[in-house]
Amino acid sequence: APCAIVVIGDSEKSDVWVEDASISASYMQLRAEDLGLGSVWIQMRKRVSDKDSSENEVKKVLNIPEKYGVLCILAIGYKGENKEPYKIDDVDKGRVHFGMYGN
């Protein structure tokens, strides 16, 4: 991808940094789509590699201070393909609940 954005949050300033950063990342993806670009959310938070957490690996490479949490990396670039949206008939009705769980 021509562009990668590392989305971080300051856990010392906000106890809802994960939610705030998620909203910001989602809006960045929507804007990329508006510009005719594609994007991929690469989850970092709570992912573990063989040696260390993915979050810590990113912090080391980019010299991000410990107080910041790394939520995700957004890869943004030109789409390799365009996929058709799902149709309502393709939705697994067993995974959708109306009113209350189990309905």
Protein backbone atom coordinates (compact mmCIF):
# COMPACT_ATOMS: atom_id res chain seq x y z
CA ALA A 1 0.00 0.00 0.00
CA PRO A 2 1.31 3.48 -0.79
CA CYS A 3 0.32 4.71 2.68
CA ALA A 4 0.19 3.21 6.15
CA ILE A 5 -1.31 5.07 9.11
CA VAL A 6 -0.58 3.85 12.62
CA VAL A 7 -3.55 4.72 14.83
CA ILE A 8 -2.58 5.30 18.47
CA GLY A 9 -4.25 6.58 21.62
CA ASP A 10 -3.05 8.02 24.92
CA SER A 11 -4.28 5.81 27.75
CA GLU A 12 -3.19 8.42 30.32
CA LYS A 13 -5.57 11.03 28.87
CA SER A 14 -8.60 8.88 28.20
CA ASP A 15 -10.00 5.62 29.51
CA VAL A 16 -11.94 5.26 26.25
CA TRP A 17 -8.98 5.73 23.92
CA VAL A 18 -9.75 2.42 22.16
CA GLU A 19 -13.23 3.60 21.25
CA ASP A 20 -12.02 7.08 20.24
CA ALA A 21 -9.20 5.68 18.10
CA SER A 22 -11.59 3.16 16.51
CA ILE A 23 -13.96 5.95 15.50
CA SER A 24 -11.06 7.97 14.05
CA ALA A 25 -9.76 4.97 12.11
CA SER A 26 -13.22 4.20 10.75
CA TYR A 27 -13.65 7.76 9.53
CA MET A 28 -10.24 7.61 7.85
CA GLN A 29 -11.39 4.48 6.01
CA LEU A 30 -14.63 6.17 4.95
CA ARG A 31 -12.68 9.18 3.66
CA ALA A 32 -10.31 6.93 1.73
CA GLU A 33 -13.32 5.33 0.05
CA ASP A 34 -14.70 8.80 -0.80
CA LEU A 35 -11.38 9.51 -2.53
CA GLY A 36 -11.60 6.30 -4.55
CA LEU A 37 -9.01 4.48 -2.47
CA GLY A 38 -9.18 1.18 -0.65
CA SER A 39 -8.17 0.51 2.93
CA VAL A 40 -7.46 -2.41 5.19
CA TRP A 41 -7.62 -2.39 9.01
CA ILE A 42 -4.69 -4.38 10.41
CA GLN A 43 -5.40 -5.06 14.08
CA MET A 44 -2.44 -4.55 16.43
CA ARG A 45 -3.97 -4.30 19.89
CA LYS A 46 -4.11 -7.65 21.72
CA ARG A 47 -2.36 -9.54 18.89
CA VAL A 48 0.72 -11.61 19.71
CA SER A 49 3.56 -12.81 17.51
CA ASP A 50 6.06 -15.54 18.38
CA LYS A 51 8.25 -13.14 20.36
CA ASP A 52 6.17 -10.20 21.52
CA SER A 53 2.85 -8.47 21.06
CA SER A 54 2.29 -6.89 17.66
CA GLU A 55 1.63 -3.61 19.46
CA ASN A 56 5.05 -3.68 21.16
CA GLU A 57 6.80 -4.56 17.90
CA VAL A 58 5.27 -1.49 16.23
CA LYS A 59 6.19 0.68 19.22
CA LYS A 60 9.83 -0.47 18.99
CA VAL A 61 10.11 0.09 15.23
CA LEU A 62 8.51 3.55 15.34
CA ASN A 63 9.85 4.63 18.75
CA ILE A 64 6.34 5.21 20.13
CA PRO A 65 6.34 6.06 23.86
CA GLU A 66 5.02 3.40 26.24
CA LYS A 67 2.00 5.46 27.36
CA TYR A 68 0.45 5.20 23.89
CA GLY A 69 -1.55 2.20 22.79
CA VAL A 70 -1.35 1.05 19.18
CA LEU A 71 -4.83 0.15 17.98
CA CYS A 72 -4.27 -0.66 14.32
CA ILE A 73 -2.46 0.13 11.12
CA LEU A 74 -4.54 1.35 8.20
CA ALA A 75 -3.11 0.41 4.82
CA ILE A 76 -4.46 2.80 2.20
CA GLY A 77 -3.95 2.57 -1.53
CA TYR A 78 -5.52 1.93 -4.89
CA LYS A 79 -7.85 -1.05 -4.95
CA GLY A 80 -6.71 -4.19 -6.73
CA GLU A 81 -10.32 -5.19 -7.28
CA ASN A 82 -13.83 -3.94 -6.61
CA LYS A 83 -16.13 -6.33 -4.80
CA GLU A 84 -19.89 -6.23 -5.03
CA PRO A 85 -21.72 -5.45 -1.78
CA TYR A 86 -23.43 -8.32 -0.01
CA LYS A 87 -27.10 -8.73 -0.78
CA ILE A 88 -29.62 -9.03 2.06
CA ASP A 89 -30.35 -12.61 0.98
CA ASP A 90 -26.67 -13.48 1.56
CA VAL A 91 -26.87 -12.56 5.26
CA ASP A 92 -26.89 -15.57 7.60
CA LYS A 93 -30.17 -14.94 9.42
CA GLY A 94 -29.00 -17.23 12.25
CA ARG A 95 -26.38 -14.61 13.16
CA VAL A 96 -28.79 -11.67 13.25
CA HIS A 97 -31.08 -11.16 16.24
CA PHE A 98 -34.09 -8.83 16.34
CA GLY A 99 -35.43 -7.30 19.55
CA MET A 100 -33.68 -9.75 21.87
CA TYR A 101 -30.89 -12.26 21.54
CA GLY A 102 -32.20 -15.51 20.11
CA ASN A 103 -35.02 -13.91 18.09
